[in-house]
PDB file of N, CA and C in Angstrom:
ATOM      1  N   MET A   1      91.440  52.315 151.405  1.00  0.00           N
ATOM      2  CA  MET A   1      91.168  51.735 152.702  1.00  0.00           C
ATOM      3  C   MET A   1      90.238  52.689 153.450  1.00  0.00           C
ATOM      4  N   PRO A   2      89.136  52.174 153.969  1.00  0.00           N
ATOM      5  CA  PRO A   2      88.225  53.021 154.735  1.00  0.00           C
ATOM      6  C   PRO A   2      88.902  53.587 155.992  1.00  0.00           C
ATOM      7  N   LYS A   3      88.386  54.712 156.443  1.00  0.00           N
ATOM      8  CA  LYS A   3      88.980  55.371 157.608  1.00  0.00           C
ATOM      9  C   LYS A   3      88.926  54.493 158.860  1.00  0.00           C
ATOM     10  N   ILE A   4      87.841  53.764 159.033  1.00  0.00           N
ATOM     11  CA  ILE A   4      87.717  52.903 160.213  1.00  0.00           C
ATOM     12  C   ILE A   4      88.741  51.775 160.156  1.00  0.00           C
ATOM     13  N   ALA A   5      88.991  51.250 158.959  1.00  0.00           N
ATOM     14  CA  ALA A   5      89.994  50.191 158.811  1.00  0.00           C
ATOM     15  C   ALA A   5      91.383  50.728 159.126  1.00  0.00           C
ATOM     16  N   PHE A   6      91.674  51.925 158.664  1.00  0.00           N
ATOM     17  CA  PHE A   6      92.971  52.538 158.959  1.00  0.00           C
ATOM     18  C   PHE A   6      93.131  52.763 160.458  1.00  0.00           C
ATOM     19  N   GLY A   7      92.073  53.213 161.112  1.00  0.00           N
ATOM     20  CA  GLY A   7      92.121  53.426 162.561  1.00  0.00           C
ATOM     21  C   GLY A   7      92.353  52.128 163.329  1.00  0.00           C
ATOM     22  N   LEU A   8      91.684  51.074 162.916  1.00  0.00           N
ATOM     23  CA  LEU A   8      91.860  49.784 163.582  1.00  0.00           C
ATOM     24  C   LEU A   8      93.263  49.220 163.360  1.00  0.00           C
ATOM     25  N   LEU A   9      93.815  49.448 162.171  1.00  0.00           N
ATOM     26  CA  LEU A   9      95.181  49.005 161.900  1.00  0.00           C
ATOM     27  C   LEU A   9      96.173  49.758 162.793  1.00  0.00           C
ATOM     28  N   MET A  10      95.976  51.060 162.939  1.00  0.00           N
ATOM     29  CA  MET A  10      96.861  51.848 163.803  1.00  0.00           C
ATOM     30  C   MET A  10      96.747  51.400 165.263  1.00  0.00           C
ATOM     31  N   LEU A  11      95.537  51.107 165.714  1.00  0.00           N
ATOM     32  CA  LEU A  11      95.358  50.625 167.084  1.00  0.00           C
ATOM     33  C   LEU A  11      96.044  49.280 167.298  1.00  0.00           C
ATOM     34  N   ALA A  12      95.974  48.408 166.305  1.00  0.00           N
ATOM     35  CA  ALA A  12      96.650  47.108 166.405  1.00  0.00           C
ATOM     36  C   ALA A  12      98.164  47.294 166.491  1.00  0.00           C
ATOM     37  N   LEU A  13      98.702  48.168 165.660  1.00  0.00           N
ATOM     38  CA  LEU A  13     100.139  48.409 165.685  1.00  0.00           C
ATOM     39  C   LEU A  13     100.580  49.067 166.989  1.00  0.00           C
ATOM     40  N   LEU A  14      99.764  49.985 167.508  1.00  0.00           N
ATOM     41  CA  LEU A  14     100.091  50.613 168.790  1.00  0.00           C
ATOM     42  C   LEU A  14     100.038  49.611 169.939  1.00  0.00           C
ATOM     43  N   SER A  15      99.109  48.692 169.878  1.00  0.00           N
ATOM     44  CA  SER A  15      99.031  47.653 170.910  1.00  0.00           C
ATOM     45  C   SER A  15     100.256  46.749 170.869  1.00  0.00           C
ATOM     46  N   LEU A  16     100.702  46.417 169.679  1.00  0.00           N
ATOM     47  CA  LEU A  16     101.914  45.599 169.559  1.00  0.00           C
ATOM     48  C   LEU A  16     103.145  46.365 170.041  1.00  0.00           C
ATOM     49  N   ALA A  17     103.204  47.661 169.751  1.00  0.00           N
ATOM     50  CA  ALA A  17     104.326  48.474 170.239  1.00  0.00           C
ATOM     51  C   ALA A  17     104.302  48.558 171.761  1.00  0.00           C
ATOM     52  N   LEU A  18     103.119  48.664 172.333  1.00  0.00           N
ATOM     53  CA  LEU A  18     102.996  48.692 173.788  1.00  0.00           C
ATOM     54  C   LEU A  18     103.482  47.388 174.391  1.00  0.00           C
ATOM     55  N   GLU A  19     103.182  46.282 173.745  1.00  0.00           N
ATOM     56  CA  GLU A  19     103.644  44.966 174.206  1.00  0.00           C
ATOM     57  C   GLU A  19     105.170  44.900 174.187  1.00  0.00           C
ATOM     58  N   VAL A  20     105.762  45.418 173.129  1.00  0.00           N
ATOM     59  CA  VAL A  20     107.222  45.355 173.001  1.00  0.00           C
ATOM     60  C   VAL A  20     107.902  46.250 174.029  1.00  0.00           C
ATOM     61  N   PHE A  21     107.397  47.462 174.205  1.00  0.00           N
ATOM     62  CA  PHE A  21     108.075  48.425 175.065  1.00  0.00           C
ATOM     63  C   PHE A  21     107.833  48.216 176.558  1.00  0.00           C
ATOM     64  N   THR A  22     106.724  47.575 176.931  1.00  0.00           N
ATOM     65  CA  THR A  22     106.495  47.310 178.351  1.00  0.00           C
ATOM     66  C   THR A  22     107.080  45.974 178.778  1.00  0.00           C
ATOM     67  N   GLN A  23     107.476  45.157 177.831  1.00  0.00           N
ATOM     68  CA  GLN A  23     108.129  43.866 178.065  1.00  0.00           C
ATOM     69  C   GLN A  23     107.356  42.963 179.025  1.00  0.00           C
ATOM     70  N   GLY A  24     106.062  42.850 178.802  1.00  0.00           N
ATOM     71  CA  GLY A  24     105.261  41.900 179.548  1.00  0.00           C
ATOM     72  C   GLY A  24     104.749  42.377 180.891  1.00  0.00           C
ATOM     73  N   GLU A  25     104.934  43.643 181.230  1.00  0.00           N
ATOM     74  CA  GLU A  25     104.449  44.146 182.518  1.00  0.00           C
ATOM     75  C   GLU A  25     102.923  44.156 182.592  1.00  0.00           C
ATOM     76  N   LEU A  26     102.283  44.281 181.463  1.00  0.00           N
ATOM     77  CA  LEU A  26     100.821  44.354 181.425  1.00  0.00           C
ATOM     78  C   LEU A  26     100.166  42.997 181.187  1.00  0.00           C
ATOM     79  N   GLY A  27     100.936  41.962 181.129  1.00  0.00           N
ATOM     80  CA  GLY A  27     100.393  40.633 180.871  1.00  0.00           C
ATOM     81  C   GLY A  27     100.116  40.443 179.391  1.00  0.00           C
ATOM     82  N   HIS A  28      99.032  39.742 179.113  1.00  0.00           N
ATOM     83  CA  HIS A  28      98.675  39.441 177.724  1.00  0.00           C
ATOM     84  C   HIS A  28      97.674  40.423 177.147  1.00  0.00           C
ATOM     85  N   ALA A  29      97.318  41.447 177.892  1.00  0.00           N
ATOM     86  CA  ALA A  29      96.286  42.387 177.437  1.00  0.00           C
ATOM     87  C   ALA A  29      96.636  43.075 176.118  1.00  0.00           C
ATOM     88  N   PRO A  30      97.864  43.582 175.922  1.00  0.00           N
ATOM     89  CA  PRO A  30      98.152  44.223 174.629  1.00  0.00           C
ATOM     90  C   PRO A  30      98.101  43.258 173.446  1.00  0.00           C
ATOM     91  N   ARG A  31      98.502  42.015 173.657  1.00  0.00           N
ATOM     92  CA  ARG A  31      98.441  41.028 172.578  1.00  0.00           C
ATOM     93  C   ARG A  31      96.998  40.702 172.210  1.00  0.00           C
ATOM     94  N   VAL A  32      96.173  40.550 173.221  1.00  0.00           N
ATOM     95  CA  VAL A  32      94.755  40.257 172.969  1.00  0.00           C
ATOM     96  C   VAL A  32      94.103  41.435 172.266  1.00  0.00           C
ATOM     97  N   ALA A  33      94.411  42.645 172.723  1.00  0.00           N
ATOM     98  CA  ALA A  33      93.854  43.842 172.088  1.00  0.00           C
ATOM     99  C   ALA A  33      94.320  43.940 170.640  1.00  0.00           C
ATOM    100  N   ALA A  34      95.596  43.670 170.391  1.00  0.00           N
ATOM    101  CA  ALA A  34      96.115  43.721 169.025  1.00  0.00           C
ATOM    102  C   ALA A  34      95.413  42.697 168.140  1.00  0.00           C
ATOM    103  N   ALA A  35      95.176  41.510 168.657  1.00  0.00           N
ATOM    104  CA  ALA A  35      94.483  40.481 167.879  1.00  0.00           C
ATOM    105  C   ALA A  35      93.053  40.908 167.555  1.00  0.00           C
ATOM    106  N   LEU A  36      92.361  41.484 168.526  1.00  0.00           N
ATOM    107  CA  LEU A  36      90.988  41.941 168.283  1.00  0.00           C
ATOM    108  C   LEU A  36      90.947  43.094 167.291  1.00  0.00           C
ATOM    109  N   PHE A  37      91.880  44.030 167.412  1.00  0.00           N
ATOM    110  CA  PHE A  37      91.927  45.144 166.471  1.00  0.00           C
ATOM    111  C   PHE A  37      92.266  44.653 165.064  1.00  0.00           C
ATOM    112  N   PHE A  38      93.133  43.652 164.964  1.00  0.00           N
ATOM    113  CA  PHE A  38      93.493  43.114 163.653  1.00  0.00           C
ATOM    114  C   PHE A  38      92.298  42.418 163.006  1.00  0.00           C
ATOM    115  N   ILE A  39      91.553  41.666 163.798  1.00  0.00           N
ATOM    116  CA  ILE A  39      90.349  41.009 163.274  1.00  0.00           C
ATOM    117  C   ILE A  39      89.326  42.056 162.839  1.00  0.00           C
ATOM    118  N   GLY A  40      89.182  43.106 163.647  1.00  0.00           N
ATOM    119  CA  GLY A  40      88.294  44.204 163.270  1.00  0.00           C
ATOM    120  C   GLY A  40      88.736  44.890 161.998  1.00  0.00           C
ATOM    121  N   TRP A  41      90.051  45.004 161.813  1.00  0.00           N
ATOM    122  CA  TRP A  41      90.598  45.604 160.603  1.00  0.00           C
ATOM    123  C   TRP A  41      90.248  44.766 159.377  1.00  0.00           C
ATOM    124  N   LEU A  42      90.397  43.456 159.509  1.00  0.00           N
ATOM    125  CA  LEU A  42      90.059  42.575 158.387  1.00  0.00           C
ATOM    126  C   LEU A  42      88.575  42.663 158.036  1.00  0.00           C
ATOM    127  N   ILE A  43      87.737  42.700 159.052  1.00  0.00           N
ATOM    128  CA  ILE A  43      86.293  42.805 158.805  1.00  0.00           C
ATOM    129  C   ILE A  43      85.958  44.140 158.152  1.00  0.00           C
ATOM    130  N   ALA A  44      86.600  45.208 158.633  1.00  0.00           N
ATOM    131  CA  ALA A  44      86.355  46.532 158.047  1.00  0.00           C
ATOM    132  C   ALA A  44      86.814  46.589 156.596  1.00  0.00           C
ATOM    133  N   LEU A  45      87.897  45.899 156.277  1.00  0.00           N
ATOM    134  CA  LEU A  45      88.350  45.869 154.886  1.00  0.00           C
ATOM    135  C   LEU A  45      87.351  45.140 153.995  1.00  0.00           C
ATOM    136  N   VAL A  46      86.841  44.022 154.488  1.00  0.00           N
ATOM    137  CA  VAL A  46      85.886  43.245 153.691  1.00  0.00           C
ATOM    138  C   VAL A  46      84.585  44.027 153.512  1.00  0.00           C
ATOM    139  N   LEU A  47      84.088  44.632 154.581  1.00  0.00           N
ATOM    140  CA  LEU A  47      82.831  45.374 154.492  1.00  0.00           C
ATOM    141  C   LEU A  47      82.992  46.694 153.750  1.00  0.00           C
ATOM    142  N   GLY A  48      84.198  47.224 153.728  1.00  0.00           N
ATOM    143  CA  GLY A  48      84.441  48.495 153.066  1.00  0.00           C
ATOM    144  C   GLY A  48      84.452  48.406 151.560  1.00  0.00           C
ATOM    145  N   ARG A  49      84.619  47.205 151.043  1.00  0.00           N
ATOM    146  CA  ARG A  49      84.609  47.036 149.587  1.00  0.00           C
ATOM    147  C   ARG A  49      83.168  46.900 149.124  1.00  0.00           C
ATOM    148  N   ARG A  50      82.731  47.891 148.430  1.00  0.00           N
ATOM    149  CA  ARG A  50      81.358  47.862 147.926  1.00  0.00           C
ATOM    150  C   ARG A  50      81.394  47.564 146.433  1.00  0.00           C
ATOM    151  N   ILE A  51      80.643  46.571 146.043  1.00  0.00           N
ATOM    152  CA  ILE A  51      80.553  46.222 144.631  1.00  0.00           C
ATOM    153  C   ILE A  51      79.320  46.924 144.082  1.00  0.00           C
ATOM    154  N   LYS A  52      79.550  47.795 143.130  1.00  0.00           N
ATOM    155  CA  LYS A  52      78.442  48.552 142.568  1.00  0.00           C
ATOM    156  C   LYS A  52      77.894  47.807 141.346  1.00  0.00           C
ATOM    157  N   PHE A  53      76.616  47.591 141.364  1.00  0.00           N
ATOM    158  CA  PHE A  53      75.944  46.900 140.267  1.00  0.00           C
ATOM    159  C   PHE A  53      75.235  47.918 139.408  1.00  0.00           C
ATOM    160  N   ASP A  54      75.563  47.921 138.136  1.00  0.00           N
ATOM    161  CA  ASP A  54      74.930  48.840 137.186  1.00  0.00           C
ATOM    162  C   ASP A  54      74.060  48.032 136.240  1.00  0.00           C
ATOM    163  N   PRO A  55      72.739  48.100 136.402  1.00  0.00           N
ATOM    164  CA  PRO A  55      71.859  47.304 135.539  1.00  0.00           C
ATOM    165  C   PRO A  55      71.880  47.749 134.078  1.00  0.00           C
ATOM    166  N   GLN A  56      72.319  48.978 133.787  1.00  0.00           N
ATOM    167  CA  GLN A  56      72.346  49.464 132.415  1.00  0.00           C
ATOM    168  C   GLN A  56      73.559  48.943 131.641  1.00  0.00           C
ATOM    169  N   LEU A  57      74.514  48.384 132.353  1.00  0.00           N
ATOM    170  CA  LEU A  57      75.725  47.885 131.725  1.00  0.00           C
ATOM    171  C   LEU A  57      75.425  46.560 131.015  1.00  0.00           C
ATOM    172  N   ARG A  58      75.624  46.516 129.701  1.00  0.00           N
ATOM    173  CA  ARG A  58      75.321  45.292 128.941  1.00  0.00           C
ATOM    174  C   ARG A  58      76.439  44.967 128.008  1.00  0.00           C
TER     175      ARG A  58
END
């Protein structure tokens, strides 16, 4: 897992923990942030996979 993907996953989990522990005092902001970080995590995972093409391989 790329470092940026790991960071985004941790931010998503921290946002969800903030939502649980503040019990709605902050409104929907932690949930929205968690959703955005999760989407960013998925994109980072997809972009982090590099397929190497070796033309000499036959």
